[in-house]
């Protein structure tokens, strides 16, 4: 089984949605590894939502800019995730801030 760490970035395993969502980032804590799924959010082409920019943290993966679509987070079977292509730990506080905004509005 592939090692899955929080903030690891994986290619989208679905050919049907890969063009729109080329990658997923694992948001789930490493401490919850016993579950068969991981909570992820898709990475999408850079976009802005006026007044809600903090909800879409900007990142760079393999030299390309993306935003993390925090409002679109959801589960994916861990076994579908291939080896990570990047880790976004350096963006931890921006990502956690966006998750906090999604759930608390703050």
N, C-alpha and C. Protein backbone atom coordinates (compact mmCIF):
# COMPACT_ATOMS: atom_id res chain seq x y z
N UNK A 1 0.84 -1.19 0.00
CA UNK A 1 0.00 0.00 0.00
C UNK A 1 0.89 1.25 0.00
N UNK A 2 0.46 2.26 -0.70
CA UNK A 2 1.18 3.52 -0.81
C UNK A 2 1.11 4.26 0.53
N UNK A 3 2.23 4.83 0.95
CA UNK A 3 2.24 5.66 2.15
C UNK A 3 1.51 6.97 1.85
N UNK A 4 0.56 7.33 2.70
CA UNK A 4 -0.24 8.53 2.49
C UNK A 4 -0.02 9.47 3.66
N UNK A 5 0.50 10.65 3.38
CA UNK A 5 0.72 11.65 4.42
C UNK A 5 -0.18 12.85 4.17
N UNK A 6 -0.52 13.53 5.26
CA UNK A 6 -1.31 14.74 5.13
C UNK A 6 -0.56 15.71 4.22
N UNK A 7 -1.28 16.33 3.34
CA UNK A 7 -0.82 17.31 2.36
C UNK A 7 -0.06 16.70 1.18
N UNK A 8 -0.04 15.36 1.07
CA UNK A 8 0.50 14.73 -0.13
C UNK A 8 -0.42 15.04 -1.31
N UNK A 9 0.17 15.20 -2.48
CA UNK A 9 -0.57 15.48 -3.71
C UNK A 9 -0.44 14.27 -4.62
N UNK A 10 -1.60 13.80 -5.13
CA UNK A 10 -1.65 12.62 -5.98
C UNK A 10 -2.35 12.95 -7.28
N UNK A 11 -1.93 12.30 -8.38
CA UNK A 11 -2.67 12.45 -9.63
C UNK A 11 -4.11 11.94 -9.47
N UNK A 12 -5.03 12.58 -10.14
CA UNK A 12 -6.42 12.15 -10.14
C UNK A 12 -6.49 10.79 -10.85
N UNK A 13 -7.01 9.76 -10.17
CA UNK A 13 -7.06 8.44 -10.80
C UNK A 13 -8.17 8.27 -11.84
N UNK A 14 -9.07 9.25 -11.96
CA UNK A 14 -10.20 9.13 -12.88
C UNK A 14 -9.92 9.81 -14.21
N UNK A 15 -9.80 9.05 -15.30
CA UNK A 15 -9.60 9.68 -16.61
C UNK A 15 -10.73 10.64 -16.98
N UNK A 16 -11.93 10.36 -16.46
CA UNK A 16 -13.11 11.18 -16.79
C UNK A 16 -13.01 12.60 -16.24
N UNK A 17 -12.40 12.78 -15.06
CA UNK A 17 -12.34 14.11 -14.43
C UNK A 17 -10.94 14.69 -14.35
N UNK A 18 -9.95 13.98 -14.85
CA UNK A 18 -8.55 14.40 -14.72
C UNK A 18 -8.25 15.75 -15.37
N UNK A 19 -8.87 16.06 -16.49
CA UNK A 19 -8.58 17.34 -17.15
C UNK A 19 -9.00 18.52 -16.28
N UNK A 20 -10.12 18.40 -15.60
CA UNK A 20 -10.63 19.47 -14.76
C UNK A 20 -9.99 19.49 -13.37
N UNK A 21 -9.69 18.29 -12.85
CA UNK A 21 -9.10 18.13 -11.52
C UNK A 21 -7.87 17.23 -11.64
N UNK A 22 -6.73 17.75 -12.07
CA UNK A 22 -5.57 16.89 -12.33
C UNK A 22 -4.96 16.24 -11.08
N UNK A 23 -5.15 16.86 -9.92
CA UNK A 23 -4.55 16.34 -8.69
C UNK A 23 -5.53 16.43 -7.53
N UNK A 24 -5.24 15.64 -6.49
CA UNK A 24 -5.92 15.74 -5.20
C UNK A 24 -4.87 15.92 -4.12
N UNK A 25 -5.21 16.66 -3.09
CA UNK A 25 -4.34 16.80 -1.93
C UNK A 25 -5.05 16.14 -0.74
N UNK A 26 -4.31 15.33 0.01
CA UNK A 26 -4.85 14.67 1.19
C UNK A 26 -4.92 15.69 2.32
N UNK A 27 -6.12 15.86 2.88
CA UNK A 27 -6.32 16.79 3.99
C UNK A 27 -6.40 16.06 5.33
N UNK A 28 -6.70 14.80 5.29
CA UNK A 28 -6.90 13.99 6.49
C UNK A 28 -5.59 13.81 7.26
N UNK A 29 -5.69 13.81 8.57
CA UNK A 29 -4.54 13.61 9.44
C UNK A 29 -3.90 12.24 9.23
N UNK A 30 -2.59 12.20 9.36
CA UNK A 30 -1.86 10.93 9.28
C UNK A 30 -2.31 9.97 10.39
N UNK A 31 -2.78 10.49 11.49
CA UNK A 31 -3.17 9.67 12.64
C UNK A 31 -4.41 8.82 12.36
N UNK A 32 -5.12 9.11 11.28
CA UNK A 32 -6.34 8.38 10.94
C UNK A 32 -6.11 7.44 9.76
N UNK A 33 -4.94 6.87 9.69
CA UNK A 33 -4.57 6.05 8.54
C UNK A 33 -5.30 4.71 8.48
N UNK A 34 -5.93 4.28 9.56
CA UNK A 34 -6.61 2.98 9.55
C UNK A 34 -7.88 2.97 8.71
N UNK A 35 -8.41 4.15 8.37
CA UNK A 35 -9.61 4.21 7.54
C UNK A 35 -9.27 3.88 6.09
N UNK A 36 -10.21 3.30 5.38
CA UNK A 36 -10.00 2.89 3.99
C UNK A 36 -10.10 4.06 3.02
N UNK A 37 -10.56 5.22 3.49
CA UNK A 37 -10.69 6.40 2.63
C UNK A 37 -9.81 7.52 3.17
N UNK A 38 -9.60 8.52 2.32
CA UNK A 38 -8.90 9.74 2.72
C UNK A 38 -9.76 10.91 2.29
N UNK A 39 -9.79 11.93 3.13
CA UNK A 39 -10.48 13.17 2.76
C UNK A 39 -9.50 13.98 1.92
N UNK A 40 -9.92 14.33 0.73
CA UNK A 40 -9.06 15.06 -0.20
C UNK A 40 -9.81 16.26 -0.76
N UNK A 41 -9.06 17.17 -1.35
CA UNK A 41 -9.64 18.27 -2.12
C UNK A 41 -8.94 18.31 -3.47
N UNK A 42 -9.68 18.62 -4.53
CA UNK A 42 -9.05 18.68 -5.85
C UNK A 42 -8.25 19.96 -6.04
N UNK A 43 -7.22 19.85 -6.84
CA UNK A 43 -6.49 21.02 -7.32
C UNK A 43 -7.05 21.37 -8.69
N UNK A 44 -7.32 22.65 -8.89
CA UNK A 44 -7.92 23.11 -10.14
C UNK A 44 -7.11 24.28 -10.70
N UNK A 45 -7.43 24.67 -11.91
CA UNK A 45 -6.77 25.82 -12.53
C UNK A 45 -6.97 27.05 -11.65
N UNK A 46 -6.00 27.94 -11.62
CA UNK A 46 -6.13 29.14 -10.78
C UNK A 46 -7.42 29.89 -11.07
N UNK A 47 -8.10 30.25 -10.00
CA UNK A 47 -9.35 30.99 -10.09
C UNK A 47 -9.51 31.81 -8.82
N UNK A 48 -10.34 32.80 -8.86
CA UNK A 48 -10.60 33.65 -7.70
C UNK A 48 -12.11 33.72 -7.49
N UNK A 49 -12.51 33.73 -6.23
CA UNK A 49 -13.89 34.01 -5.86
C UNK A 49 -13.82 35.28 -5.03
N UNK A 50 -14.35 36.36 -5.57
CA UNK A 50 -14.25 37.64 -4.89
C UNK A 50 -14.70 37.53 -3.44
N UNK A 51 -13.90 38.05 -2.54
CA UNK A 51 -14.12 38.06 -1.09
C UNK A 51 -13.87 36.70 -0.43
N UNK A 52 -13.63 35.67 -1.21
CA UNK A 52 -13.39 34.34 -0.63
C UNK A 52 -12.06 33.75 -1.10
N UNK A 53 -11.09 34.59 -1.41
CA UNK A 53 -9.81 34.13 -1.90
C UNK A 53 -9.13 33.17 -0.93
N UNK A 54 -9.36 33.36 0.38
CA UNK A 54 -8.73 32.50 1.38
C UNK A 54 -9.27 31.07 1.34
N UNK A 55 -10.39 30.88 0.69
CA UNK A 55 -11.00 29.56 0.57
C UNK A 55 -10.34 28.71 -0.51
N UNK A 56 -9.53 29.33 -1.36
CA UNK A 56 -8.87 28.65 -2.47
C UNK A 56 -7.36 28.91 -2.40
N UNK A 57 -6.65 28.23 -1.50
CA UNK A 57 -5.21 28.48 -1.37
C UNK A 57 -4.47 28.19 -2.68
N UNK A 58 -3.57 29.10 -3.03
CA UNK A 58 -2.77 28.93 -4.24
C UNK A 58 -1.54 28.09 -3.94
N UNK A 59 -1.24 27.14 -4.84
CA UNK A 59 -0.08 26.26 -4.69
C UNK A 59 0.55 26.03 -6.06
N UNK A 60 1.75 25.49 -6.04
CA UNK A 60 2.44 25.11 -7.27
C UNK A 60 2.78 23.63 -7.16
N UNK A 61 2.39 22.87 -8.18
CA UNK A 61 2.69 21.43 -8.23
C UNK A 61 3.34 21.14 -9.57
N UNK A 62 4.50 20.54 -9.53
CA UNK A 62 5.27 20.22 -10.73
C UNK A 62 5.40 21.43 -11.65
N UNK A 63 5.67 22.59 -11.04
CA UNK A 63 5.92 23.81 -11.79
C UNK A 63 4.68 24.53 -12.30
N UNK A 64 3.50 24.01 -12.03
CA UNK A 64 2.26 24.62 -12.52
C UNK A 64 1.44 25.19 -11.37
N UNK A 65 0.82 26.36 -11.56
CA UNK A 65 -0.02 26.95 -10.50
C UNK A 65 -1.40 26.30 -10.46
N UNK A 66 -1.90 26.11 -9.26
CA UNK A 66 -3.25 25.58 -9.03
C UNK A 66 -3.82 26.27 -7.80
N UNK A 67 -5.10 26.07 -7.57
CA UNK A 67 -5.71 26.40 -6.30
C UNK A 67 -6.34 25.13 -5.76
N UNK A 68 -6.38 25.03 -4.44
CA UNK A 68 -7.01 23.89 -3.79
C UNK A 68 -8.48 24.24 -3.62
N UNK A 69 -9.35 23.45 -4.21
CA UNK A 69 -10.80 23.70 -4.15
C UNK A 69 -11.34 23.12 -2.84
N UNK A 70 -11.09 23.82 -1.75
CA UNK A 70 -11.51 23.37 -0.42
C UNK A 70 -13.03 23.10 -0.36
N UNK A 71 -13.90 23.91 -0.99
CA UNK A 71 -15.34 23.62 -0.92
C UNK A 71 -15.73 22.28 -1.56
N UNK A 72 -14.85 21.70 -2.37
CA UNK A 72 -15.15 20.45 -3.06
C UNK A 72 -14.51 19.24 -2.39
N UNK A 73 -14.12 19.37 -1.13
CA UNK A 73 -13.46 18.24 -0.47
C UNK A 73 -14.42 17.07 -0.32
N UNK A 74 -13.85 15.88 -0.22
CA UNK A 74 -14.64 14.66 -0.06
C UNK A 74 -13.74 13.46 0.09
N UNK A 75 -14.34 12.29 0.28
CA UNK A 75 -13.56 11.07 0.46
C UNK A 75 -13.18 10.41 -0.86
N UNK A 76 -12.07 9.70 -0.83
CA UNK A 76 -11.65 8.88 -1.96
C UNK A 76 -11.01 7.62 -1.36
N UNK A 77 -11.23 6.45 -1.96
CA UNK A 77 -10.59 5.25 -1.43
C UNK A 77 -9.07 5.39 -1.46
N UNK A 78 -8.44 5.11 -0.35
CA UNK A 78 -6.97 5.24 -0.26
C UNK A 78 -6.27 4.38 -1.30
N UNK A 79 -6.83 3.23 -1.60
CA UNK A 79 -6.19 2.32 -2.56
C UNK A 79 -6.14 2.90 -3.98
N UNK A 80 -6.93 3.94 -4.26
CA UNK A 80 -6.93 4.56 -5.59
C UNK A 80 -5.81 5.58 -5.75
N UNK A 81 -5.19 5.99 -4.66
CA UNK A 81 -4.16 7.03 -4.73
C UNK A 81 -2.81 6.42 -5.07
N UNK A 82 -2.21 6.96 -6.11
CA UNK A 82 -0.90 6.51 -6.58
C UNK A 82 0.19 7.20 -5.76
N UNK A 83 1.44 6.85 -5.98
CA UNK A 83 2.51 7.55 -5.26
C UNK A 83 2.41 9.08 -5.41
N UNK A 84 2.70 9.77 -4.33
CA UNK A 84 2.60 11.23 -4.31
C UNK A 84 3.60 11.87 -5.27
N UNK A 85 3.18 12.99 -5.87
CA UNK A 85 4.06 13.75 -6.75
C UNK A 85 4.61 14.99 -6.03
N UNK A 86 4.00 15.34 -4.88
CA UNK A 86 4.44 16.52 -4.12
C UNK A 86 3.83 16.43 -2.72
N UNK A 87 4.32 17.29 -1.85
CA UNK A 87 3.72 17.44 -0.52
C UNK A 87 3.63 18.94 -0.26
N UNK A 88 2.48 19.39 0.23
CA UNK A 88 2.21 20.81 0.43
C UNK A 88 2.30 21.23 1.91
N UNK A 89 3.08 20.52 2.70
CA UNK A 89 3.26 20.84 4.11
C UNK A 89 3.67 22.31 4.30
N UNK A 90 4.46 22.85 3.39
CA UNK A 90 4.89 24.24 3.50
C UNK A 90 3.72 25.21 3.43
N UNK A 91 2.59 24.78 2.89
CA UNK A 91 1.38 25.60 2.78
C UNK A 91 0.37 25.27 3.87
N UNK A 92 0.79 24.54 4.89
CA UNK A 92 -0.07 24.04 5.95
C UNK A 92 -1.02 25.09 6.52
N UNK A 93 -0.50 26.25 6.89
CA UNK A 93 -1.33 27.25 7.56
C UNK A 93 -2.36 27.88 6.62
N UNK A 94 -2.03 28.05 5.36
CA UNK A 94 -3.01 28.55 4.39
C UNK A 94 -4.10 27.51 4.16
N UNK A 95 -3.72 26.25 4.06
CA UNK A 95 -4.69 25.17 3.83
C UNK A 95 -5.61 25.03 5.04
N UNK A 96 -5.03 24.99 6.23
CA UNK A 96 -5.85 24.86 7.44
C UNK A 96 -6.75 26.08 7.65
N UNK A 97 -6.26 27.25 7.27
CA UNK A 97 -7.09 28.46 7.34
C UNK A 97 -8.29 28.36 6.41
N UNK A 98 -8.08 27.78 5.23
CA UNK A 98 -9.19 27.62 4.28
C UNK A 98 -10.21 26.61 4.79
N UNK A 99 -9.72 25.52 5.39
CA UNK A 99 -10.63 24.53 5.98
C UNK A 99 -11.42 25.16 7.11
N UNK A 100 -10.75 25.95 7.93
CA UNK A 100 -11.43 26.62 9.04
C UNK A 100 -12.51 27.56 8.50
N UNK A 101 -12.20 28.29 7.44
CA UNK A 101 -13.19 29.19 6.85
C UNK A 101 -14.39 28.42 6.33
N UNK A 102 -14.14 27.26 5.71
CA UNK A 102 -15.23 26.45 5.17
C UNK A 102 -16.22 26.02 6.28
N UNK A 103 -15.69 25.64 7.42
CA UNK A 103 -16.54 25.09 8.47
C UNK A 103 -17.03 26.11 9.49
N UNK A 104 -16.26 27.19 9.68
CA UNK A 104 -16.67 28.16 10.70
C UNK A 104 -17.03 29.52 10.12
N UNK A 105 -16.63 29.77 8.87
CA UNK A 105 -16.89 31.07 8.26
C UNK A 105 -15.92 32.15 8.71
N UNK A 106 -14.95 31.76 9.53
CA UNK A 106 -13.98 32.74 10.05
C UNK A 106 -12.67 32.66 9.31
